[in-house]
Amino acid sequence: MKELLTHIAKALVDIPEKVEVKEIAGEKSTILELKVADSDRGKVIGKEGRIIKSIRTIISSASAKLDKRTTVEIVE
């Protein structure tokens, strides 16, 4: 899931070198913390949060096939 989120985020931002994804794994759930440049944060969130909601849906659907639960958080 980490690679999928990294790939999606790098495609959206202007400064792909600043994209960092930190994975915090548990038994059944995983938290992915996405960090991007300050100027790119709005591009990842989108209007009214539509883009980040779509990203969360994709990651959640992909992780459901692996019987895991994954959440995506944007950190500063």
C-alpha atoms as a PDB file:
ATOM      1  CA  MET A   1       0.000   0.000   0.000  1.00  0.00           C
ATOM      2  CA  LYS A   2       2.887   2.332   0.741  1.00  0.00           C
ATOM      3  CA  GLU A   3       4.147   2.113  -2.841  1.00  0.00           C
ATOM      4  CA  LEU A   4       0.659   2.700  -4.249  1.00  0.00           C
ATOM      5  CA  LEU A   5       0.151   5.830  -2.146  1.00  0.00           C
ATOM      6  CA  THR A   6       3.617   7.121  -3.046  1.00  0.00           C
ATOM      7  CA  HIS A   7       2.938   6.617  -6.750  1.00  0.00           C
ATOM      8  CA  ILE A   8      -0.433   8.396  -6.598  1.00  0.00           C
ATOM      9  CA  ALA A   9       0.916  11.317  -4.552  1.00  0.00           C
ATOM     10  CA  LYS A  10       3.955  11.850  -6.802  1.00  0.00           C
ATOM     11  CA  ALA A  11       1.664  12.050  -9.823  1.00  0.00           C
ATOM     12  CA  LEU A  12      -0.388  14.835  -8.206  1.00  0.00           C
ATOM     13  CA  VAL A  13       2.254  17.195  -6.816  1.00  0.00           C
ATOM     14  CA  ASP A  14       4.702  19.671  -8.359  1.00  0.00           C
ATOM     15  CA  ILE A  15       7.630  18.625  -6.144  1.00  0.00           C
ATOM     16  CA  PRO A  16       7.633  14.792  -6.136  1.00  0.00           C
ATOM     17  CA  GLU A  17      10.977  14.651  -4.288  1.00  0.00           C
ATOM     18  CA  LYS A  18       9.238  15.950  -1.144  1.00  0.00           C
ATOM     19  CA  VAL A  19       6.677  13.121  -1.024  1.00  0.00           C
ATOM     20  CA  GLU A  20       7.226  10.905   2.010  1.00  0.00           C
ATOM     21  CA  VAL A  21       5.046   8.038   3.176  1.00  0.00           C
ATOM     22  CA  LYS A  22       5.498   6.561   6.635  1.00  0.00           C
ATOM     23  CA  GLU A  23       3.829   3.243   7.396  1.00  0.00           C
ATOM     24  CA  ILE A  24       2.678   2.393  10.907  1.00  0.00           C
ATOM     25  CA  ALA A  25       1.626  -1.252  10.908  1.00  0.00           C
ATOM     26  CA  GLY A  26      -0.575  -3.096  13.359  1.00  0.00           C
ATOM     27  CA  GLU A  27      -2.082  -6.582  13.332  1.00  0.00           C
ATOM     28  CA  LYS A  28      -5.183  -5.828  11.291  1.00  0.00           C
ATOM     29  CA  SER A  29      -4.821  -2.133  10.496  1.00  0.00           C
ATOM     30  CA  THR A  30      -2.174   0.098   9.007  1.00  0.00           C
ATOM     31  CA  ILE A  31      -1.838   3.876   9.064  1.00  0.00           C
ATOM     32  CA  LEU A  32      -0.107   5.586   6.168  1.00  0.00           C
ATOM     33  CA  GLU A  33       1.134   9.081   6.942  1.00  0.00           C
ATOM     34  CA  LEU A  34       1.559  11.198   3.810  1.00  0.00           C
ATOM     35  CA  LYS A  35       3.879  14.189   3.918  1.00  0.00           C
ATOM     36  CA  VAL A  36       4.204  16.585   0.977  1.00  0.00           C
ATOM     37  CA  ALA A  37       5.633  20.065   0.455  1.00  0.00           C
ATOM     38  CA  ASP A  38       3.560  22.900   1.931  1.00  0.00           C
ATOM     39  CA  SER A  39       2.803  24.271  -1.525  1.00  0.00           C
ATOM     40  CA  ASP A  40       1.479  20.875  -2.687  1.00  0.00           C
ATOM     41  CA  ARG A  41      -0.781  20.102   0.265  1.00  0.00           C
ATOM     42  CA  GLY A  42      -3.786  21.732  -1.406  1.00  0.00           C
ATOM     43  CA  LYS A  43      -3.289  19.656  -4.537  1.00  0.00           C
ATOM     44  CA  VAL A  44      -3.400  16.437  -2.542  1.00  0.00           C
ATOM     45  CA  ILE A  45      -6.456  17.502  -0.542  1.00  0.00           C
ATOM     46  CA  GLY A  46      -8.404  19.001  -3.450  1.00  0.00           C
ATOM     47  CA  LYS A  47     -11.547  21.103  -3.391  1.00  0.00           C
ATOM     48  CA  GLU A  48     -13.680  20.167  -0.392  1.00  0.00           C
ATOM     49  CA  GLY A  49     -11.347  17.196   0.204  1.00  0.00           C
ATOM     50  CA  ARG A  50     -12.425  15.315  -2.903  1.00  0.00           C
ATOM     51  CA  ILE A  51      -8.978  14.148  -3.995  1.00  0.00           C
ATOM     52  CA  ILE A  52      -7.880  12.862  -0.568  1.00  0.00           C
ATOM     53  CA  LYS A  53     -11.244  11.145  -0.201  1.00  0.00           C
ATOM     54  CA  SER A  54     -10.672   9.398  -3.533  1.00  0.00           C
ATOM     55  CA  ILE A  55      -7.143   8.405  -2.515  1.00  0.00           C
ATOM     56  CA  ARG A  56      -8.481   6.963   0.753  1.00  0.00           C
ATOM     57  CA  THR A  57     -11.111   4.992  -1.167  1.00  0.00           C
ATOM     58  CA  ILE A  58      -8.498   3.509  -3.524  1.00  0.00           C
ATOM     59  CA  ILE A  59      -6.143   2.563  -0.682  1.00  0.00           C
ATOM     60  CA  SER A  60      -8.990   1.143   1.396  1.00  0.00           C
ATOM     61  CA  SER A  61     -10.274  -0.954  -1.499  1.00  0.00           C
ATOM     62  CA  ALA A  62      -6.816  -2.279  -2.346  1.00  0.00           C
ATOM     63  CA  SER A  63      -6.093  -3.203   1.263  1.00  0.00           C
ATOM     64  CA  ALA A  64      -9.485  -4.913   1.646  1.00  0.00           C
ATOM     65  CA  LYS A  65      -8.296  -7.552  -0.805  1.00  0.00           C
ATOM     66  CA  LEU A  66      -5.492  -8.337   1.652  1.00  0.00           C
ATOM     67  CA  ASP A  67      -7.945  -8.526   4.605  1.00  0.00           C
ATOM     68  CA  LYS A  68      -6.373  -5.459   6.187  1.00  0.00           C
ATOM     69  CA  ARG A  69      -7.632  -2.017   7.051  1.00  0.00           C
ATOM     70  CA  THR A  70      -5.580   0.953   5.924  1.00  0.00           C
ATOM     71  CA  THR A  71      -6.141   4.614   6.653  1.00  0.00           C
ATOM     72  CA  VAL A  72      -4.389   7.592   5.072  1.00  0.00           C
ATOM     73  CA  GLU A  73      -3.505  10.713   7.043  1.00  0.00           C
ATOM     74  CA  ILE A  74      -1.813  13.879   5.835  1.00  0.00           C
ATOM     75  CA  VAL A  75       0.823  15.192   8.220  1.00  0.00           C
ATOM     76  CA  GLU A  76       2.544  18.572   8.232  1.00  0.00           C
END
